[in-house]
Amino acid sequence: MIQITDTQKIGVSFAAFGVAFIFLGVLLLFDKGLLAIGNILFLAGLSLVVGLERTFHFFFQWHKVKGSAAFFGGIVIVLVGWPLIGMCIELYGFILLFSGFFPVAVNFLRRMPVIGTILNLPGISRFADRISGDSRSNV
């Protein structure tokens, strides 16, 4: 069984609160305070879960420079006070950074009882196949 340290538990909590604050910030018409707190908590949580060195290596690999620049640039723009533009740039950077993880996540979600059924519905199935890189054809 995998041992989870107290630091990792705190990191998961920080990341979850960060996502919740970002969600509330978007829900409340891009409130810059909530978005800024959410971004900081998410990054702190990610660093605590994975570790500072691995987080640094993830964001600053040569082939991820464009995504990292967009992600951190979006955070800076949110902190400066332009939340809508900053979140759009940050979302673009997030997609560039984590695009390799999306197929793994979709295939994992397909194995879950309720979510898997939803992902196998006709219209959603094609979209999920495109994201996961699955070449199944519905002929």
N, C-alpha and C. Protein backbone atom coordinates (compact mmCIF):
# COMPACT_ATOMS: atom_id res chain seq x y z
N MET A 1 0.83 -1.18 0.00
CA MET A 1 0.00 0.00 0.00
C MET A 1 0.88 1.25 0.00
N ILE A 2 0.44 2.26 -0.70
CA ILE A 2 1.21 3.50 -0.83
C ILE A 2 1.04 4.33 0.43
N GLN A 3 2.16 4.78 0.98
CA GLN A 3 2.13 5.65 2.15
C GLN A 3 1.96 7.10 1.71
N ILE A 4 1.02 7.77 2.33
CA ILE A 4 0.79 9.18 2.04
C ILE A 4 1.23 9.97 3.26
N THR A 5 2.13 10.90 3.05
CA THR A 5 2.65 11.69 4.16
C THR A 5 1.66 12.78 4.55
N ASP A 6 1.89 13.37 5.70
CA ASP A 6 1.03 14.47 6.14
C ASP A 6 1.17 15.68 5.21
N THR A 7 2.36 15.89 4.69
CA THR A 7 2.57 17.00 3.75
C THR A 7 1.74 16.81 2.49
N GLN A 8 1.66 15.57 2.00
CA GLN A 8 0.86 15.30 0.81
C GLN A 8 -0.63 15.47 1.10
N LYS A 9 -1.07 15.09 2.30
CA LYS A 9 -2.47 15.29 2.67
C LYS A 9 -2.82 16.77 2.70
N ILE A 10 -1.91 17.57 3.27
CA ILE A 10 -2.13 19.01 3.30
C ILE A 10 -2.12 19.57 1.88
N GLY A 11 -1.24 19.05 1.02
CA GLY A 11 -1.17 19.49 -0.37
C GLY A 11 -2.46 19.20 -1.12
N VAL A 12 -3.03 18.02 -0.90
CA VAL A 12 -4.30 17.69 -1.55
C VAL A 12 -5.39 18.65 -1.09
N SER A 13 -5.39 18.97 0.20
CA SER A 13 -6.38 19.93 0.72
C SER A 13 -6.19 21.31 0.10
N PHE A 14 -4.94 21.75 0.01
CA PHE A 14 -4.68 23.05 -0.62
C PHE A 14 -5.13 23.05 -2.08
N ALA A 15 -4.81 22.00 -2.81
CA ALA A 15 -5.19 21.94 -4.22
C ALA A 15 -6.71 21.91 -4.37
N ALA A 16 -7.40 21.16 -3.50
CA ALA A 16 -8.86 21.10 -3.56
C ALA A 16 -9.47 22.46 -3.24
N PHE A 17 -8.95 23.13 -2.21
CA PHE A 17 -9.44 24.47 -1.90
C PHE A 17 -9.13 25.43 -3.04
N GLY A 18 -7.98 25.28 -3.67
CA GLY A 18 -7.63 26.12 -4.81
C GLY A 18 -8.61 25.97 -5.95
N VAL A 19 -8.95 24.73 -6.27
CA VAL A 19 -9.93 24.48 -7.34
C VAL A 19 -11.29 25.04 -6.94
N ALA A 20 -11.67 24.89 -5.66
CA ALA A 20 -12.95 25.43 -5.20
C ALA A 20 -12.98 26.96 -5.30
N PHE A 21 -11.89 27.61 -4.91
CA PHE A 21 -11.84 29.07 -5.01
C PHE A 21 -11.87 29.53 -6.46
N ILE A 22 -11.18 28.82 -7.33
CA ILE A 22 -11.22 29.18 -8.75
C ILE A 22 -12.63 29.01 -9.30
N PHE A 23 -13.28 27.91 -8.93
CA PHE A 23 -14.66 27.68 -9.36
C PHE A 23 -15.57 28.80 -8.87
N LEU A 24 -15.45 29.17 -7.59
CA LEU A 24 -16.27 30.26 -7.06
C LEU A 24 -15.94 31.59 -7.74
N GLY A 25 -14.66 31.83 -8.02
CA GLY A 25 -14.26 33.05 -8.70
C GLY A 25 -14.87 33.17 -10.08
N VAL A 26 -14.92 32.06 -10.80
CA VAL A 26 -15.54 32.06 -12.13
C VAL A 26 -17.05 32.20 -12.00
N LEU A 27 -17.62 31.51 -11.01
CA LEU A 27 -19.06 31.56 -10.80
C LEU A 27 -19.52 32.96 -10.42
N LEU A 28 -18.71 33.67 -9.66
CA LEU A 28 -19.05 35.03 -9.24
C LEU A 28 -18.47 36.07 -10.20
N LEU A 29 -18.58 35.78 -11.49
CA LEU A 29 -18.23 36.69 -12.57
C LEU A 29 -16.77 37.16 -12.50
N PHE A 30 -15.87 36.19 -12.39
CA PHE A 30 -14.43 36.41 -12.44
C PHE A 30 -13.97 37.41 -11.37
N ASP A 31 -14.29 37.07 -10.12
CA ASP A 31 -13.82 37.86 -8.99
C ASP A 31 -12.32 37.67 -8.85
N LYS A 32 -11.57 38.74 -8.99
CA LYS A 32 -10.11 38.62 -9.05
C LYS A 32 -9.51 38.16 -7.73
N GLY A 33 -10.12 38.49 -6.61
CA GLY A 33 -9.60 38.04 -5.32
C GLY A 33 -9.70 36.53 -5.15
N LEU A 34 -10.87 35.98 -5.46
CA LEU A 34 -11.05 34.53 -5.36
C LEU A 34 -10.17 33.78 -6.34
N LEU A 35 -10.04 34.30 -7.55
CA LEU A 35 -9.19 33.65 -8.55
C LEU A 35 -7.73 33.67 -8.13
N ALA A 36 -7.28 34.78 -7.57
CA ALA A 36 -5.89 34.88 -7.13
C ALA A 36 -5.61 33.90 -5.99
N ILE A 37 -6.51 33.85 -5.01
CA ILE A 37 -6.34 32.92 -3.89
C ILE A 37 -6.38 31.48 -4.41
N GLY A 38 -7.28 31.19 -5.33
CA GLY A 38 -7.38 29.85 -5.89
C GLY A 38 -6.12 29.43 -6.63
N ASN A 39 -5.56 30.34 -7.41
CA ASN A 39 -4.32 30.03 -8.14
C ASN A 39 -3.16 29.75 -7.18
N ILE A 40 -3.04 30.58 -6.16
CA ILE A 40 -1.95 30.41 -5.20
C ILE A 40 -2.12 29.11 -4.43
N LEU A 41 -3.34 28.81 -3.98
CA LEU A 41 -3.57 27.56 -3.25
C LEU A 41 -3.34 26.33 -4.13
N PHE A 42 -3.76 26.41 -5.39
CA PHE A 42 -3.57 25.27 -6.29
C PHE A 42 -2.09 24.99 -6.51
N LEU A 43 -1.31 26.03 -6.77
CA LEU A 43 0.13 25.84 -6.98
C LEU A 43 0.83 25.35 -5.71
N ALA A 44 0.42 25.89 -4.56
CA ALA A 44 1.00 25.43 -3.30
C ALA A 44 0.65 23.97 -3.04
N GLY A 45 -0.58 23.61 -3.30
CA GLY A 45 -0.99 22.22 -3.12
C GLY A 45 -0.27 21.26 -4.04
N LEU A 46 -0.12 21.66 -5.29
CA LEU A 46 0.62 20.82 -6.25
C LEU A 46 2.06 20.63 -5.82
N SER A 47 2.66 21.71 -5.32
CA SER A 47 4.05 21.62 -4.86
C SER A 47 4.18 20.73 -3.64
N LEU A 48 3.22 20.77 -2.74
CA LEU A 48 3.28 19.93 -1.54
C LEU A 48 3.02 18.46 -1.86
N VAL A 49 2.14 18.20 -2.80
CA VAL A 49 1.84 16.80 -3.15
C VAL A 49 3.00 16.15 -3.88
N VAL A 50 3.51 16.81 -4.89
CA VAL A 50 4.53 16.23 -5.76
C VAL A 50 5.94 16.48 -5.22
N GLY A 51 6.12 17.60 -4.57
CA GLY A 51 7.44 18.00 -4.12
C GLY A 51 7.92 19.19 -4.93
N LEU A 52 8.71 20.03 -4.30
CA LEU A 52 9.16 21.25 -4.97
C LEU A 52 10.04 20.97 -6.18
N GLU A 53 10.95 20.02 -6.04
CA GLU A 53 11.87 19.74 -7.15
C GLU A 53 11.14 19.16 -8.36
N ARG A 54 10.24 18.22 -8.12
CA ARG A 54 9.51 17.62 -9.24
C ARG A 54 8.54 18.62 -9.88
N THR A 55 7.96 19.50 -9.06
CA THR A 55 7.09 20.54 -9.61
C THR A 55 7.89 21.48 -10.50
N PHE A 56 9.07 21.88 -10.02
CA PHE A 56 9.93 22.76 -10.80
C PHE A 56 10.32 22.09 -12.11
N HIS A 57 10.69 20.81 -12.07
CA HIS A 57 11.09 20.10 -13.29
C HIS A 57 9.91 19.93 -14.25
N PHE A 58 8.69 19.77 -13.70
CA PHE A 58 7.52 19.62 -14.57
C PHE A 58 7.26 20.91 -15.35
N PHE A 59 7.26 22.03 -14.66
CA PHE A 59 6.91 23.29 -15.32
C PHE A 59 8.01 23.83 -16.20
N PHE A 60 9.25 23.52 -15.92
CA PHE A 60 10.35 24.14 -16.65
C PHE A 60 11.13 23.17 -17.53
N GLN A 61 10.43 22.24 -18.16
CA GLN A 61 11.04 21.41 -19.19
C GLN A 61 11.01 22.21 -20.49
N TRP A 62 12.00 21.96 -21.33
CA TRP A 62 12.14 22.76 -22.55
C TRP A 62 10.92 22.66 -23.46
N HIS A 63 10.33 21.48 -23.60
CA HIS A 63 9.20 21.32 -24.50
C HIS A 63 7.89 21.84 -23.90
N LYS A 64 7.91 22.26 -22.63
CA LYS A 64 6.71 22.81 -22.00
C LYS A 64 6.84 24.31 -21.71
N VAL A 65 7.80 24.96 -22.33
CA VAL A 65 8.04 26.38 -22.06
C VAL A 65 6.83 27.22 -22.45
N LYS A 66 6.24 26.94 -23.60
CA LYS A 66 5.11 27.73 -24.07
C LYS A 66 3.92 27.60 -23.11
N GLY A 67 3.62 26.38 -22.68
CA GLY A 67 2.52 26.16 -21.75
C GLY A 67 2.78 26.78 -20.39
N SER A 68 4.01 26.65 -19.89
CA SER A 68 4.35 27.22 -18.59
C SER A 68 4.28 28.74 -18.64
N ALA A 69 4.77 29.33 -19.72
CA ALA A 69 4.73 30.79 -19.85
C ALA A 69 3.28 31.28 -19.88
N ALA A 70 2.43 30.59 -20.61
CA ALA A 70 1.02 30.99 -20.68
C ALA A 70 0.34 30.80 -19.33
N PHE A 71 0.62 29.70 -18.65
CA PHE A 71 -0.01 29.42 -17.36
C PHE A 71 0.39 30.46 -16.32
N PHE A 72 1.70 30.67 -16.16
CA PHE A 72 2.16 31.64 -15.16
C PHE A 72 1.87 33.07 -15.59
N GLY A 73 1.89 33.34 -16.88
CA GLY A 73 1.51 34.66 -17.36
C GLY A 73 0.04 34.96 -17.06
N GLY A 74 -0.80 33.96 -17.22
CA GLY A 74 -2.22 34.13 -16.88
C GLY A 74 -2.42 34.39 -15.41
N ILE A 75 -1.65 33.71 -14.56
CA ILE A 75 -1.74 33.96 -13.12
C ILE A 75 -1.33 35.38 -12.79
N VAL A 76 -0.25 35.85 -13.42
CA VAL A 76 0.22 37.22 -13.18
C VAL A 76 -0.83 38.23 -13.65
N ILE A 77 -1.44 37.98 -14.78
CA ILE A 77 -2.46 38.90 -15.30
C ILE A 77 -3.68 38.92 -14.37
N VAL A 78 -4.04 37.76 -13.79
CA VAL A 78 -5.13 37.74 -12.82
C VAL A 78 -4.75 38.55 -11.59
N LEU A 79 -3.51 38.39 -11.12
CA LEU A 79 -3.05 39.13 -9.94
C LEU A 79 -2.98 40.63 -10.20
N VAL A 80 -2.67 41.02 -11.44
CA VAL A 80 -2.60 42.44 -11.79
C VAL A 80 -4.00 43.06 -11.78
N GLY A 81 -5.01 42.27 -12.14
CA GLY A 81 -6.36 42.80 -12.07
C GLY A 81 -7.21 42.62 -13.31
N TRP A 82 -6.78 41.82 -14.25
CA TRP A 82 -7.58 41.53 -15.44
C TRP A 82 -7.95 40.05 -15.42
N PRO A 83 -8.97 39.68 -14.64
CA PRO A 83 -9.24 38.26 -14.41
C PRO A 83 -9.74 37.49 -15.63
N LEU A 84 -10.57 38.08 -16.45
CA LEU A 84 -11.11 37.34 -17.60
C LEU A 84 -10.01 37.00 -18.61
N ILE A 85 -9.20 37.98 -18.95
CA ILE A 85 -8.11 37.74 -19.90
C ILE A 85 -7.09 36.77 -19.29
N GLY A 86 -6.78 36.97 -18.01
CA GLY A 86 -5.82 36.10 -17.33
C GLY A 86 -6.28 34.65 -17.27
N MET A 87 -7.56 34.44 -17.00
CA MET A 87 -8.07 33.06 -16.93
C MET A 87 -8.08 32.40 -18.31
N CYS A 88 -8.35 33.16 -19.35
CA CYS A 88 -8.30 32.60 -20.70
C CYS A 88 -6.88 32.17 -21.06
N ILE A 89 -5.90 33.01 -20.75
CA ILE A 89 -4.50 32.67 -21.02
C ILE A 89 -4.07 31.50 -20.14
N GLU A 90 -4.50 31.51 -18.89
CA GLU A 90 -4.16 30.43 -17.97
C GLU A 90 -4.77 29.10 -18.43
N LEU A 91 -5.99 29.13 -18.93
CA LEU A 91 -6.64 27.91 -19.44
C LEU A 91 -5.88 27.36 -20.64
N TYR A 92 -5.44 28.25 -21.52
CA TYR A 92 -4.64 27.83 -22.68
C TYR A 92 -3.34 27.15 -22.21
N GLY A 93 -2.66 27.75 -21.25
CA GLY A 93 -1.45 27.16 -20.71
C GLY A 93 -1.71 25.83 -20.03
N PHE A 94 -2.82 25.73 -19.30
CA PHE A 94 -3.19 24.48 -18.62
C PHE A 94 -3.41 23.37 -19.64
N ILE A 95 -4.08 23.70 -20.73
CA ILE A 95 -4.32 22.69 -21.77
C ILE A 95 -3.01 22.24 -22.41
N LEU A 96 -2.11 23.19 -22.67
CA LEU A 96 -0.81 22.82 -23.23
C LEU A 96 0.02 21.97 -22.27
N LEU A 97 -0.02 22.31 -20.99
CA LEU A 97 0.79 21.58 -20.01
C LEU A 97 0.27 20.18 -19.74
N PHE A 98 -1.04 20.04 -19.60
CA PHE A 98 -1.61 18.78 -19.17
C PHE A 98 -2.28 17.99 -20.30
N SER A 99 -2.01 18.34 -21.55
CA SER A 99 -2.64 17.63 -22.66
C SER A 99 -2.22 16.17 -22.73
N GLY A 100 -1.04 15.84 -22.27
CA GLY A 100 -0.61 14.44 -22.24
C GLY A 100 -1.33 13.63 -21.18
N PHE A 101 -1.91 14.30 -20.20
CA PHE A 101 -2.61 13.62 -19.12
C PHE A 101 -4.07 13.36 -19.45
N PHE A 102 -4.65 14.12 -20.37
CA PHE A 102 -6.07 13.99 -20.68
C PHE A 102 -6.47 12.58 -21.14
N PRO A 103 -5.72 11.92 -22.05
CA PRO A 103 -6.12 10.56 -22.43
C PRO A 103 -6.14 9.59 -21.26
N VAL A 104 -5.19 9.70 -20.36
CA VAL A 104 -5.15 8.83 -19.19
C VAL A 104 -6.37 9.09 -18.31
N ALA A 105 -6.70 10.36 -18.11
CA ALA A 105 -7.85 10.72 -17.27
C ALA A 105 -9.16 10.23 -17.89
N VAL A 106 -9.32 10.39 -19.20
CA VAL A 106 -10.56 9.95 -19.85
C VAL A 106 -10.70 8.44 -19.77
N ASN A 107 -9.62 7.71 -20.01
CA ASN A 107 -9.69 6.25 -19.93
C ASN A 107 -9.96 5.78 -18.51
N PHE A 108 -9.44 6.50 -17.51
CA PHE A 108 -9.75 6.16 -16.12
C PHE A 108 -11.21 6.44 -15.82
N LEU A 109 -11.72 7.58 -16.27
CA LEU A 109 -13.12 7.92 -16.01
C LEU A 109 -14.08 6.97 -16.71
N ARG A 110 -13.69 6.41 -17.83
CA ARG A 110 -14.54 5.45 -18.54
C ARG A 110 -14.75 4.18 -17.73
N ARG A 111 -13.87 3.87 -16.82
CA ARG A 111 -13.99 2.65 -16.02
C ARG A 111 -14.82 2.86 -14.76
N MET A 112 -15.21 4.08 -14.48
CA MET A 112 -16.02 4.37 -13.29
C MET A 112 -17.48 4.11 -13.62
N PRO A 113 -18.26 3.62 -12.63
CA PRO A 113 -19.63 3.18 -12.90
C PRO A 113 -20.54 4.22 -13.55
N VAL A 114 -20.81 5.34 -12.95
CA VAL A 114 -21.79 6.29 -13.49
C VAL A 114 -21.16 7.16 -14.58
N ILE A 115 -19.96 7.65 -14.33
CA ILE A 115 -19.30 8.53 -15.29
C ILE A 115 -18.97 7.78 -16.57
N GLY A 116 -18.60 6.50 -16.46
CA GLY A 116 -18.30 5.69 -17.63
C GLY A 116 -19.51 5.52 -18.53
N THR A 117 -20.69 5.37 -17.91
CA THR A 117 -21.92 5.26 -18.69
C THR A 117 -22.20 6.56 -19.44
N ILE A 118 -21.97 7.67 -18.78
CA ILE A 118 -22.20 8.97 -19.42
C ILE A 118 -21.21 9.18 -20.56
N LEU A 119 -19.95 8.80 -20.35
CA LEU A 119 -18.95 8.98 -21.41
C LEU A 119 -19.17 8.06 -22.60
N ASN A 120 -19.97 7.02 -22.45
CA ASN A 120 -20.25 6.11 -23.56
C ASN A 120 -21.54 6.46 -24.30
N LEU A 121 -22.19 7.56 -23.94
CA LEU A 121 -23.37 8.00 -24.69
C LEU A 121 -22.94 8.45 -26.09
N PRO A 122 -23.82 8.32 -27.09
CA PRO A 122 -23.41 8.54 -28.48
C PRO A 122 -22.68 9.84 -28.77
N GLY A 123 -23.20 10.99 -28.40
CA GLY A 123 -22.54 12.25 -28.73
C GLY A 123 -21.28 12.48 -27.93
N ILE A 124 -21.33 12.10 -26.66
CA ILE A 124 -20.19 12.31 -25.77
C ILE A 124 -19.08 11.32 -26.09
N SER A 125 -19.45 10.14 -26.55
CA SER A 125 -18.46 9.10 -26.85
C SER A 125 -17.46 9.54 -27.92
N ARG A 126 -17.96 10.19 -28.96
CA ARG A 126 -17.05 10.66 -30.02
C ARG A 126 -16.07 11.70 -29.50
N PHE A 127 -16.58 12.62 -28.68
CA PHE A 127 -15.72 13.65 -28.10
C PHE A 127 -14.68 13.02 -27.15
N ALA A 128 -15.11 12.06 -26.34
CA ALA A 128 -14.19 11.38 -25.41
C ALA A 128 -13.16 10.56 -26.19
N ASP A 129 -13.57 9.95 -27.31
CA ASP A 129 -12.62 9.20 -28.14
C ASP A 129 -11.57 10.14 -28.73
N ARG A 130 -11.98 11.32 -29.13
CA ARG A 130 -11.04 12.28 -29.71
C ARG A 130 -10.03 12.75 -28.67
N ILE A 131 -10.49 13.00 -27.45
CA ILE A 131 -9.60 13.44 -26.38
C ILE A 131 -8.63 12.33 -25.99
N SER A 132 -9.15 11.10 -25.88
CA SER A 132 -8.30 10.00 -25.41
C SER A 132 -7.42 9.44 -26.51
N GLY A 133 -7.61 9.86 -27.74
CA GLY A 133 -6.79 9.35 -28.83
C GLY A 133 -7.18 7.95 -29.24
N ASP A 134 -8.37 7.53 -28.82
CA ASP A 134 -8.86 6.19 -29.13
C ASP A 134 -9.37 6.19 -30.57
N SER A 135 -8.99 5.18 -31.33
CA SER A 135 -9.37 5.12 -32.74
C SER A 135 -10.54 4.18 -32.97
N ARG A 136 -11.40 4.02 -31.95
CA ARG A 136 -12.58 3.19 -32.14
C ARG A 136 -13.51 3.85 -33.15
N SER A 137 -14.06 3.08 -34.01
CA SER A 137 -15.02 3.65 -34.96
C SER A 137 -16.41 3.11 -34.64
N ASN A 138 -17.38 3.96 -34.69
CA ASN A 138 -18.75 3.58 -34.38
C ASN A 138 -19.51 3.27 -35.66
N VAL A 139 -19.02 2.28 -36.41
CA VAL A 139 -19.64 1.92 -37.68
C VAL A 139 -20.72 0.92 -37.44
